[in-house]
Amino acid sequence: MTTLTHRGRRAEAGRSLNKKPSSEEDADRRLNDDDPDDSKDVRLTLMEEVLLLGLKDKEGYTSFWNDCISSGLRGGILIELALRGRIRLEPLSIRKKRLLERKVKVVLTSDVPTGDVLLDETLRHIKATESSETVQTWIELLTGETWNPFKLQYQLRNVRERIAKALVEKGILTTEKQNFLLFDMTTHPISNTTEKQRLVKKLQESMLERWVNDPHRMDRRTLALLVLAHSSDVLENVFASLADDKYDVAMNRTKDLLDMDPEVEATKARGAEMIWAVLAAFNKS
């Protein structure tokens, strides 16, 4: 599990076609309404936003030592599907104890395609399971971290590359080949920095100028992106450009937010239960 970094690490970080039912239309429409600052020209999924925050601008790849981003991207897929009204947690009446200990399951609510390849592939996997699985189990299955050979079929492969390809198609990244002495690697430098700058500014402001001191008053996509950036160990990239005093304030507020008990917050959250469930899964891992 990742941890929030202290100021001393900043220098090191710098180095080192079917018609949808109205319920689904409403859920997809709310994706745009949740964030008033969202770009009107380019719509990014949570997975695309997390990868964009993790990419080195000119080099076009994430840190070689960051293993957290893979599971973070899978967590983003689950949250994205929940925000779009395709999956949810079991109803509160079925839950008996805690998010993880009570083994709250992920339930399919609609298999209507979203139009995103990774989201729709995950939808098919969830629909195909004979029994429901927990959020933590789904993250493990989608990442391929399972000892059960019969469940390896649920692994999502080449996720980073497929997300990067989508960002290339949206005009945000380019594709290059770089030589690393012993091997060649496809990289995706950022060609249009506007979207990344927008994301960084949005997250910085959510912890500073627009701080509301209540996660349930935050728009859900901003809350989700903070959770996923933390879980993917790319949150340092968001606050690294801040002055020292603002950096400390932003990191302390973020720490306070992420230290909240997901079990308690999930019971208060309307429409954000999956966000807290994903945070609970990463806290346990």
C-alpha atoms as a PDB file:
ATOM      1  CA  MET A   1       0.000   0.000   0.000  1.00  0.00           C
ATOM      2  CA  THR A   2       1.261   3.455  -0.819  1.00  0.00           C
ATOM      3  CA  THR A   3       1.798   6.160   1.732  1.00  0.00           C
ATOM      4  CA  LEU A   4       1.701   9.929   1.448  1.00  0.00           C
ATOM      5  CA  THR A   5       5.161  11.350   0.929  1.00  0.00           C
ATOM      6  CA  HIS A   6       6.874  14.100   2.884  1.00  0.00           C
ATOM      7  CA  ARG A   7       8.396  17.230   1.411  1.00  0.00           C
ATOM      8  CA  GLY A   8      11.886  15.768   1.490  1.00  0.00           C
ATOM      9  CA  ARG A   9      10.988  13.304  -1.251  1.00  0.00           C
ATOM     10  CA  ARG A  10      10.118  15.951  -3.819  1.00  0.00           C
ATOM     11  CA  ALA A  11      13.661  16.358  -5.113  1.00  0.00           C
ATOM     12  CA  GLU A  12      14.016  12.592  -5.299  1.00  0.00           C
ATOM     13  CA  ALA A  13      10.736  12.318  -7.162  1.00  0.00           C
ATOM     14  CA  GLY A  14      11.986  14.820  -9.695  1.00  0.00           C
ATOM     15  CA  ARG A  15      15.000  12.683 -10.396  1.00  0.00           C
ATOM     16  CA  SER A  16      14.228   9.393 -10.058  1.00  0.00           C
ATOM     17  CA  LEU A  17     -25.311   1.288 -30.428  1.00  0.00           C
ATOM     18  CA  ASN A  18     -27.969   0.600 -28.456  1.00  0.00           C
ATOM     19  CA  LYS A  19     -30.094   3.282 -26.869  1.00  0.00           C
ATOM     20  CA  LYS A  20     -29.386   3.359 -23.190  1.00  0.00           C
ATOM     21  CA  PRO A  21     -32.129   3.234 -20.579  1.00  0.00           C
ATOM     22  CA  SER A  22     -32.755   6.592 -18.932  1.00  0.00           C
ATOM     23  CA  SER A  23     -31.016   5.513 -15.700  1.00  0.00           C
ATOM     24  CA  GLU A  24     -27.753   4.907 -17.552  1.00  0.00           C
ATOM     25  CA  GLU A  25     -28.169   8.097 -19.586  1.00  0.00           C
ATOM     26  CA  ASP A  26     -28.619  10.008 -16.349  1.00  0.00           C
ATOM     27  CA  ALA A  27     -25.550   8.354 -14.810  1.00  0.00           C
ATOM     28  CA  ASP A  28     -23.416   9.166 -17.855  1.00  0.00           C
ATOM     29  CA  ARG A  29     -24.756  12.735 -17.896  1.00  0.00           C
ATOM     30  CA  ARG A  30     -23.848  13.200 -14.237  1.00  0.00           C
ATOM     31  CA  LEU A  31     -20.216  12.483 -15.138  1.00  0.00           C
ATOM     32  CA  ASN A  32     -20.184  15.920 -16.765  1.00  0.00           C
ATOM     33  CA  ASP A  33     -22.277  17.652 -14.115  1.00  0.00           C
ATOM     34  CA  ASP A  34     -20.149  16.504 -11.156  1.00  0.00           C
ATOM     35  CA  ASP A  35     -17.138  18.563 -12.158  1.00  0.00           C
ATOM     36  CA  PRO A  36     -17.953  22.132 -13.214  1.00  0.00           C
ATOM     37  CA  ASP A  37     -14.344  22.727 -14.297  1.00  0.00           C
ATOM     38  CA  ASP A  38     -14.177  19.674 -16.541  1.00  0.00           C
ATOM     39  CA  SER A  39     -13.049  20.295 -20.094  1.00  0.00           C
ATOM     40  CA  LYS A  40     -15.876  20.708 -22.561  1.00  0.00           C
ATOM     41  CA  ASP A  41     -13.787  19.336 -25.409  1.00  0.00           C
ATOM     42  CA  VAL A  42     -12.118  16.233 -23.996  1.00  0.00           C
ATOM     43  CA  ARG A  43     -13.719  13.725 -21.631  1.00  0.00           C
ATOM     44  CA  LEU A  44     -11.309  11.449 -19.817  1.00  0.00           C
ATOM     45  CA  THR A  45     -12.037   8.352 -17.787  1.00  0.00           C
ATOM     46  CA  LEU A  46     -10.616   8.051 -14.287  1.00  0.00           C
ATOM     47  CA  MET A  47      -8.095   5.510 -15.584  1.00  0.00           C
ATOM     48  CA  GLU A  48      -6.889   7.941 -18.249  1.00  0.00           C
ATOM     49  CA  GLU A  49      -6.574  10.706 -15.675  1.00  0.00           C
ATOM     50  CA  VAL A  50      -4.532   8.522 -13.289  1.00  0.00           C
ATOM     51  CA  LEU A  51      -2.175   7.404 -16.049  1.00  0.00           C
ATOM     52  CA  LEU A  52      -1.785  10.985 -17.258  1.00  0.00           C
ATOM     53  CA  LEU A  53      -0.805  12.098 -13.746  1.00  0.00           C
ATOM     54  CA  GLY A  54       1.735   9.281 -13.531  1.00  0.00           C
ATOM     55  CA  LEU A  55       3.412   9.821 -16.907  1.00  0.00           C
ATOM     56  CA  LYS A  56       6.661  11.738 -17.212  1.00  0.00           C
ATOM     57  CA  ASP A  57       5.820  14.548 -19.627  1.00  0.00           C
ATOM     58  CA  LYS A  58       8.770  14.303 -22.015  1.00  0.00           C
ATOM     59  CA  GLU A  59       9.856  10.713 -21.431  1.00  0.00           C
ATOM     60  CA  GLY A  60       6.341   9.297 -21.857  1.00  0.00           C
ATOM     61  CA  TYR A  61       6.446   6.496 -19.302  1.00  0.00           C
ATOM     62  CA  THR A  62       5.639   5.971 -15.626  1.00  0.00           C
ATOM     63  CA  SER A  63       8.269   5.235 -13.000  1.00  0.00           C
ATOM     64  CA  PHE A  64       9.805   1.795 -13.454  1.00  0.00           C
ATOM     65  CA  TRP A  65       9.569   1.272  -9.696  1.00  0.00           C
ATOM     66  CA  ASN A  66       5.865   2.094  -9.418  1.00  0.00           C
ATOM     67  CA  ASP A  67       4.007  -1.212  -9.168  1.00  0.00           C
ATOM     68  CA  CYS A  68       0.993   0.393  -7.467  1.00  0.00           C
ATOM     69  CA  ILE A  69      -0.347   2.043 -10.592  1.00  0.00           C
ATOM     70  CA  SER A  70      -1.482  -1.266 -12.127  1.00  0.00           C
ATOM     71  CA  SER A  71      -3.889  -2.082  -9.301  1.00  0.00           C
ATOM     72  CA  GLY A  72      -4.816   1.610  -9.029  1.00  0.00           C
ATOM     73  CA  LEU A  73      -5.971   1.600 -12.642  1.00  0.00           C
ATOM     74  CA  ARG A  74      -8.128  -1.483 -11.970  1.00  0.00           C
ATOM     75  CA  GLY A  75      -9.664   0.254  -8.977  1.00  0.00           C
ATOM     76  CA  GLY A  76     -10.399   3.176 -11.278  1.00  0.00           C
ATOM     77  CA  ILE A  77     -12.273   0.864 -13.635  1.00  0.00           C
ATOM     78  CA  LEU A  78     -14.577  -0.284 -10.832  1.00  0.00           C
ATOM     79  CA  ILE A  79     -15.265   3.277  -9.669  1.00  0.00           C
ATOM     80  CA  GLU A  80     -15.877   4.444 -13.239  1.00  0.00           C
ATOM     81  CA  LEU A  81     -18.386   1.644 -13.810  1.00  0.00           C
ATOM     82  CA  ALA A  82     -20.153   2.487 -10.548  1.00  0.00           C
ATOM     83  CA  LEU A  83     -20.348   6.194 -11.405  1.00  0.00           C
ATOM     84  CA  ARG A  84     -21.836   5.228 -14.768  1.00  0.00           C
ATOM     85  CA  GLY A  85     -24.515   3.126 -13.115  1.00  0.00           C
ATOM     86  CA  ARG A  86     -23.292  -0.257 -14.389  1.00  0.00           C
ATOM     87  CA  ILE A  87     -22.303  -1.814 -11.043  1.00  0.00           C
ATOM     88  CA  ARG A  88     -22.912  -1.156  -7.352  1.00  0.00           C
ATOM     89  CA  LEU A  89     -22.305  -2.689  -3.966  1.00  0.00           C
ATOM     90  CA  GLU A  90     -24.885  -4.954  -2.403  1.00  0.00           C
ATOM     91  CA  PRO A  91     -27.844  -3.054  -0.919  1.00  0.00           C
ATOM     92  CA  LEU A  92     -27.349  -1.810   2.622  1.00  0.00           C
ATOM     93  CA  SER A  93     -30.042  -4.190   3.903  1.00  0.00           C
ATOM     94  CA  ILE A  94     -27.906  -7.177   2.884  1.00  0.00           C
ATOM     95  CA  ARG A  95     -24.743  -5.911   4.553  1.00  0.00           C
ATOM     96  CA  LYS A  96     -24.191  -7.135   8.065  1.00  0.00           C
ATOM     97  CA  LYS A  97     -20.831  -5.811   9.208  1.00  0.00           C
ATOM     98  CA  ARG A  98     -17.967  -4.068   7.461  1.00  0.00           C
ATOM     99  CA  LEU A  99     -17.071  -3.369   3.827  1.00  0.00           C
ATOM    100  CA  LEU A 100     -14.282  -5.930   3.807  1.00  0.00           C
ATOM    101  CA  GLU A 101     -15.019  -8.199   6.744  1.00  0.00           C
ATOM    102  CA  ARG A 102     -18.628  -8.690   5.740  1.00  0.00           C
ATOM    103  CA  LYS A 103     -17.521  -9.493   2.188  1.00  0.00           C
ATOM    104  CA  VAL A 104     -19.775  -6.962   0.481  1.00  0.00           C
ATOM    105  CA  LYS A 105     -20.121  -8.034  -3.139  1.00  0.00           C
ATOM    106  CA  VAL A 106     -20.049  -6.118  -6.404  1.00  0.00           C
ATOM    107  CA  VAL A 107     -23.402  -6.414  -8.162  1.00  0.00           C
ATOM    108  CA  LEU A 108     -24.060  -5.888 -11.879  1.00  0.00           C
ATOM    109  CA  THR A 109     -26.893  -3.421 -12.455  1.00  0.00           C
ATOM    110  CA  SER A 110     -26.636  -3.014 -16.228  1.00  0.00           C
ATOM    111  CA  ASP A 111     -24.599  -4.643 -18.996  1.00  0.00           C
ATOM    112  CA  VAL A 112     -25.288  -1.860 -21.507  1.00  0.00           C
ATOM    113  CA  PRO A 113     -21.918  -1.070 -23.151  1.00  0.00           C
ATOM    114  CA  THR A 114     -20.208   2.166 -22.168  1.00  0.00           C
ATOM    115  CA  GLY A 115     -18.249   2.541 -25.391  1.00  0.00           C
ATOM    116  CA  ASP A 116     -14.922   2.198 -23.550  1.00  0.00           C
ATOM    117  CA  VAL A 117     -13.054  -1.021 -24.350  1.00  0.00           C
ATOM    118  CA  LEU A 118     -11.651  -1.657 -20.849  1.00  0.00           C
ATOM    119  CA  LEU A 119     -14.897  -0.800 -19.094  1.00  0.00           C
ATOM    120  CA  ASP A 120     -16.922  -3.046 -21.380  1.00  0.00           C
ATOM    121  CA  GLU A 121     -14.449  -5.930 -21.057  1.00  0.00           C
ATOM    122  CA  THR A 122     -14.723  -5.663 -17.277  1.00  0.00           C
ATOM    123  CA  LEU A 123     -18.520  -5.585 -17.530  1.00  0.00           C
ATOM    124  CA  ARG A 124     -18.435  -8.868 -19.464  1.00  0.00           C
ATOM    125  CA  HIS A 125     -16.213 -10.435 -16.805  1.00  0.00           C
ATOM    126  CA  ILE A 126     -18.495  -9.348 -13.972  1.00  0.00           C
ATOM    127  CA  LYS A 127     -21.538 -10.640 -15.858  1.00  0.00           C
ATOM    128  CA  ALA A 128     -19.827 -13.967 -16.545  1.00  0.00           C
ATOM    129  CA  THR A 129     -18.971 -14.798 -12.922  1.00  0.00           C
ATOM    130  CA  GLU A 130     -21.094 -17.520 -11.352  1.00  0.00           C
ATOM    131  CA  SER A 131     -20.931 -15.861  -7.935  1.00  0.00           C
ATOM    132  CA  SER A 132     -20.412 -12.234  -6.965  1.00  0.00           C
ATOM    133  CA  GLU A 133     -16.980 -11.105  -5.746  1.00  0.00           C
ATOM    134  CA  THR A 134     -15.809  -8.352  -3.417  1.00  0.00           C
ATOM    135  CA  VAL A 135     -14.136  -5.127  -4.555  1.00  0.00           C
ATOM    136  CA  GLN A 136     -10.746  -6.329  -3.340  1.00  0.00           C
ATOM    137  CA  THR A 137     -11.148  -9.667  -5.132  1.00  0.00           C
ATOM    138  CA  TRP A 138     -12.092  -7.946  -8.374  1.00  0.00           C
ATOM    139  CA  ILE A 139      -9.023  -5.709  -8.218  1.00  0.00           C
ATOM    140  CA  GLU A 140      -6.875  -8.801  -7.715  1.00  0.00           C
ATOM    141  CA  LEU A 141      -8.600 -10.714 -10.527  1.00  0.00           C
ATOM    142  CA  LEU A 142      -8.353  -7.844 -13.000  1.00  0.00           C
ATOM    143  CA  THR A 143      -4.661  -7.428 -12.107  1.00  0.00           C
ATOM    144  CA  GLY A 144      -4.018 -11.184 -12.450  1.00  0.00           C
ATOM    145  CA  GLU A 145      -3.042 -11.620  -8.801  1.00  0.00           C
ATOM    146  CA  THR A 146      -4.785 -14.932  -8.200  1.00  0.00           C
ATOM    147  CA  TRP A 147      -3.655 -18.467  -7.479  1.00  0.00           C
ATOM    148  CA  ASN A 148      -6.767 -19.904  -9.095  1.00  0.00           C
ATOM    149  CA  PRO A 149      -5.876 -20.858 -12.695  1.00  0.00           C
ATOM    150  CA  PHE A 150      -9.560 -20.932 -13.626  1.00  0.00           C
ATOM    151  CA  LYS A 151      -9.843 -17.219 -12.816  1.00  0.00           C
ATOM    152  CA  LEU A 152      -6.862 -16.022 -14.820  1.00  0.00           C
ATOM    153  CA  GLN A 153      -9.322 -15.395 -17.644  1.00  0.00           C
ATOM    154  CA  TYR A 154     -10.497 -12.273 -15.782  1.00  0.00           C
ATOM    155  CA  GLN A 155      -7.116 -10.562 -15.994  1.00  0.00           C
ATOM    156  CA  LEU A 156      -7.083  -7.368 -18.032  1.00  0.00           C
ATOM    157  CA  ARG A 157      -3.950  -7.340 -20.151  1.00  0.00           C
ATOM    158  CA  ASN A 158      -1.895  -4.443 -21.521  1.00  0.00           C
ATOM    159  CA  VAL A 159      -3.985  -1.962 -19.549  1.00  0.00           C
ATOM    160  CA  ARG A 160      -1.460   0.890 -19.516  1.00  0.00           C
ATOM    161  CA  GLU A 161      -0.803   0.561 -23.234  1.00  0.00           C
ATOM    162  CA  ARG A 162      -4.511   0.453 -24.063  1.00  0.00           C
ATOM    163  CA  ILE A 163      -5.221   3.516 -21.922  1.00  0.00           C
ATOM    164  CA  ALA A 164      -2.265   5.317 -23.496  1.00  0.00           C
ATOM    165  CA  LYS A 165      -3.600   4.445 -26.952  1.00  0.00           C
ATOM    166  CA  ALA A 166      -6.938   6.032 -26.029  1.00  0.00           C
ATOM    167  CA  LEU A 167      -5.100   9.183 -24.921  1.00  0.00           C
ATOM    168  CA  VAL A 168      -3.206   9.208 -28.233  1.00  0.00           C
ATOM    169  CA  GLU A 169      -6.515   9.030 -30.080  1.00  0.00           C
ATOM    170  CA  LYS A 170      -7.750  11.988 -28.023  1.00  0.00           C
ATOM    171  CA  GLY A 171      -4.716  14.028 -29.054  1.00  0.00           C
ATOM    172  CA  ILE A 172      -3.114  14.196 -25.610  1.00  0.00           C
ATOM    173  CA  LEU A 173      -0.206  11.763 -26.074  1.00  0.00           C
ATOM    174  CA  THR A 174       2.048  10.777 -28.962  1.00  0.00           C
ATOM    175  CA  THR A 175       3.785   7.457 -29.623  1.00  0.00           C
ATOM    176  CA  GLU A 176       7.546   7.049 -29.858  1.00  0.00           C
ATOM    177  CA  LYS A 177      10.159   4.291 -29.655  1.00  0.00           C
ATOM    178  CA  GLN A 178      12.999   4.753 -27.180  1.00  0.00           C
ATOM    179  CA  ASN A 179      16.135   2.678 -26.807  1.00  0.00           C
ATOM    180  CA  PHE A 180      17.089   1.681 -23.250  1.00  0.00           C
ATOM    181  CA  LEU A 181      20.455   0.042 -24.061  1.00  0.00           C
ATOM    182  CA  LEU A 182      19.222  -3.548 -23.727  1.00  0.00           C
ATOM    183  CA  PHE A 183      15.744  -3.128 -25.164  1.00  0.00           C
ATOM    184  CA  ASP A 184      13.439  -0.840 -27.094  1.00  0.00           C
ATOM    185  CA  MET A 185      10.251   0.440 -25.498  1.00  0.00           C
ATOM    186  CA  THR A 186       7.176   2.187 -26.812  1.00  0.00           C
ATOM    187  CA  THR A 187       6.689   5.457 -24.946  1.00  0.00           C
ATOM    188  CA  HIS A 188       3.939   8.059 -24.977  1.00  0.00           C
ATOM    189  CA  PRO A 189       5.213  11.617 -24.363  1.00  0.00           C
ATOM    190  CA  ILE A 190       2.592  14.229 -23.603  1.00  0.00           C
ATOM    191  CA  SER A 191       1.953  16.359 -26.696  1.00  0.00           C
ATOM    192  CA  ASN A 192      -0.912  18.410 -25.257  1.00  0.00           C
ATOM    193  CA  THR A 193      -0.170  19.425 -21.683  1.00  0.00           C
ATOM    194  CA  THR A 194      -3.450  21.313 -21.215  1.00  0.00           C
ATOM    195  CA  GLU A 195      -5.375  18.339 -19.838  1.00  0.00           C
ATOM    196  CA  LYS A 196      -2.683  17.345 -17.361  1.00  0.00           C
ATOM    197  CA  GLN A 197      -2.343  20.932 -16.170  1.00  0.00           C
ATOM    198  CA  ARG A 198      -6.127  21.063 -15.731  1.00  0.00           C
ATOM    199  CA  LEU A 199      -6.117  17.883 -13.650  1.00  0.00           C
ATOM    200  CA  VAL A 200      -3.264  19.086 -11.458  1.00  0.00           C
ATOM    201  CA  LYS A 201      -4.924  22.465 -10.950  1.00  0.00           C
ATOM    202  CA  LYS A 202      -8.267  20.844 -10.100  1.00  0.00           C
ATOM    203  CA  LEU A 203      -6.770  18.579  -7.455  1.00  0.00           C
ATOM    204  CA  GLN A 204      -4.595  21.329  -6.002  1.00  0.00           C
ATOM    205  CA  GLU A 205      -7.553  23.691  -5.708  1.00  0.00           C
ATOM    206  CA  SER A 206      -9.731  20.978  -4.158  1.00  0.00           C
ATOM    207  CA  MET A 207      -7.239  20.812  -1.276  1.00  0.00           C
ATOM    208  CA  LEU A 208      -6.587  24.582  -1.099  1.00  0.00           C
ATOM    209  CA  GLU A 209      -8.876  27.327  -2.449  1.00  0.00           C
ATOM    210  CA  ARG A 210     -11.916  25.048  -2.762  1.00  0.00           C
ATOM    211  CA  TRP A 211     -11.330  22.954   0.344  1.00  0.00           C
ATOM    212  CA  VAL A 212     -14.720  22.066   1.896  1.00  0.00           C
ATOM    213  CA  ASN A 213     -13.494  19.938   4.827  1.00  0.00           C
ATOM    214  CA  ASP A 214     -16.145  17.318   4.073  1.00  0.00           C
ATOM    215  CA  PRO A 215     -15.680  14.524   1.504  1.00  0.00           C
ATOM    216  CA  HIS A 216     -19.422  14.283   0.984  1.00  0.00           C
ATOM    217  CA  ARG A 217     -19.507  17.853  -0.289  1.00  0.00           C
ATOM    218  CA  MET A 218     -16.775  17.192  -2.834  1.00  0.00           C
ATOM    219  CA  ASP A 219     -17.744  16.209  -6.353  1.00  0.00           C
ATOM    220  CA  ARG A 220     -17.393  12.473  -6.671  1.00  0.00           C
ATOM    221  CA  ARG A 221     -14.909  12.377  -9.534  1.00  0.00           C
ATOM    222  CA  THR A 222     -12.497  14.676  -7.700  1.00  0.00           C
ATOM    223  CA  LEU A 223     -12.755  12.509  -4.575  1.00  0.00           C
ATOM    224  CA  ALA A 224     -12.259   9.376  -6.675  1.00  0.00           C
ATOM    225  CA  LEU A 225      -9.222  10.839  -8.442  1.00  0.00           C
ATOM    226  CA  LEU A 226      -7.588  11.761  -5.112  1.00  0.00           C
ATOM    227  CA  VAL A 227      -8.145   8.216  -3.816  1.00  0.00           C
ATOM    228  CA  LEU A 228      -6.817   6.645  -7.013  1.00  0.00           C
ATOM    229  CA  ALA A 229      -3.819   8.994  -7.286  1.00  0.00           C
ATOM    230  CA  HIS A 230      -2.893   8.064  -3.712  1.00  0.00           C
ATOM    231  CA  SER A 231      -3.425   4.350  -4.332  1.00  0.00           C
ATOM    232  CA  SER A 232      -1.367   4.538  -7.544  1.00  0.00           C
ATOM    233  CA  ASP A 233       1.458   6.423  -5.799  1.00  0.00           C
ATOM    234  CA  VAL A 234       1.254   9.413  -8.168  1.00  0.00           C
ATOM    235  CA  LEU A 235      -0.159  11.969  -5.724  1.00  0.00           C
ATOM    236  CA  GLU A 236       3.271  13.531  -5.224  1.00  0.00           C
ATOM    237  CA  ASN A 237       3.169  14.556  -8.892  1.00  0.00           C
ATOM    238  CA  VAL A 238       0.054  16.601  -8.177  1.00  0.00           C
ATOM    239  CA  PHE A 239       1.433  18.726  -5.352  1.00  0.00           C
ATOM    240  CA  ALA A 240       5.131  18.874  -6.297  1.00  0.00           C
ATOM    241  CA  SER A 241       4.856  22.294  -7.974  1.00  0.00           C
ATOM    242  CA  LEU A 242       3.318  24.016  -4.940  1.00  0.00           C
ATOM    243  CA  ALA A 243       5.203  26.405  -2.685  1.00  0.00           C
ATOM    244  CA  ASP A 244       6.339  24.842   0.582  1.00  0.00           C
ATOM    245  CA  ASP A 245       3.568  26.269   2.745  1.00  0.00           C
ATOM    246  CA  LYS A 246       0.801  25.336   0.325  1.00  0.00           C
ATOM    247  CA  TYR A 247       2.371  21.907  -0.223  1.00  0.00           C
ATOM    248  CA  ASP A 248       2.240  21.172   3.501  1.00  0.00           C
ATOM    249  CA  VAL A 249      -1.383  22.322   3.769  1.00  0.00           C
ATOM    250  CA  ALA A 250      -2.460  20.259   0.748  1.00  0.00           C
ATOM    251  CA  MET A 251      -0.648  17.117   1.908  1.00  0.00           C
ATOM    252  CA  ASN A 252      -1.960  17.383   5.447  1.00  0.00           C
ATOM    253  CA  ARG A 253      -5.537  17.833   4.266  1.00  0.00           C
ATOM    254  CA  THR A 254      -5.173  14.941   1.844  1.00  0.00           C
ATOM    255  CA  LYS A 255      -3.783  12.756   4.598  1.00  0.00           C
ATOM    256  CA  ASP A 256      -6.693  13.655   6.867  1.00  0.00           C
ATOM    257  CA  LEU A 257      -9.121  12.829   4.061  1.00  0.00           C
ATOM    258  CA  LEU A 258      -7.566   9.473   3.239  1.00  0.00           C
ATOM    259  CA  ASP A 259      -7.206   8.543   6.914  1.00  0.00           C
ATOM    260  CA  MET A 260     -10.976   8.664   7.370  1.00  0.00           C
ATOM    261  CA  ASP A 261     -12.611   5.307   8.070  1.00  0.00           C
ATOM    262  CA  PRO A 262     -13.965   4.070   4.709  1.00  0.00           C
ATOM    263  CA  GLU A 263     -16.440   1.854   6.538  1.00  0.00           C
ATOM    264  CA  VAL A 264     -18.024   4.848   8.261  1.00  0.00           C
ATOM    265  CA  GLU A 265     -17.880   7.183   5.260  1.00  0.00           C
ATOM    266  CA  ALA A 266     -19.449   4.601   2.930  1.00  0.00           C
ATOM    267  CA  THR A 267     -22.596   4.549   5.051  1.00  0.00           C
ATOM    268  CA  LYS A 268     -22.963   8.319   4.563  1.00  0.00           C
ATOM    269  CA  ALA A 269     -22.110   8.385   0.874  1.00  0.00           C
ATOM    270  CA  ARG A 270     -24.891   8.443  -1.671  1.00  0.00           C
ATOM    271  CA  GLY A 271     -23.479   7.300  -4.982  1.00  0.00           C
ATOM    272  CA  ALA A 272     -19.890   7.254  -3.699  1.00  0.00           C
ATOM    273  CA  GLU A 273     -19.879   3.914  -1.856  1.00  0.00           C
ATOM    274  CA  MET A 274     -17.606   2.310  -4.462  1.00  0.00           C
ATOM    275  CA  ILE A 275     -14.987   5.031  -3.966  1.00  0.00           C
ATOM    276  CA  TRP A 276     -14.747   4.254  -0.255  1.00  0.00           C
ATOM    277  CA  ALA A 277     -14.828   0.521  -0.926  1.00  0.00           C
ATOM    278  CA  VAL A 278     -11.839   0.831  -3.275  1.00  0.00           C
ATOM    279  CA  LEU A 279      -9.971   2.884  -0.655  1.00  0.00           C
ATOM    280  CA  ALA A 280     -10.776   0.225   1.952  1.00  0.00           C
ATOM    281  CA  ALA A 281      -9.444  -2.489  -0.365  1.00  0.00           C
ATOM    282  CA  PHE A 282      -6.148  -0.659  -0.884  1.00  0.00           C
ATOM    283  CA  ASN A 283      -5.831   0.090   2.818  1.00  0.00           C
ATOM    284  CA  LYS A 284      -6.069  -3.614   3.535  1.00  0.00           C
ATOM    285  CA  SER A 285      -3.665  -4.712   0.793  1.00  0.00           C
END
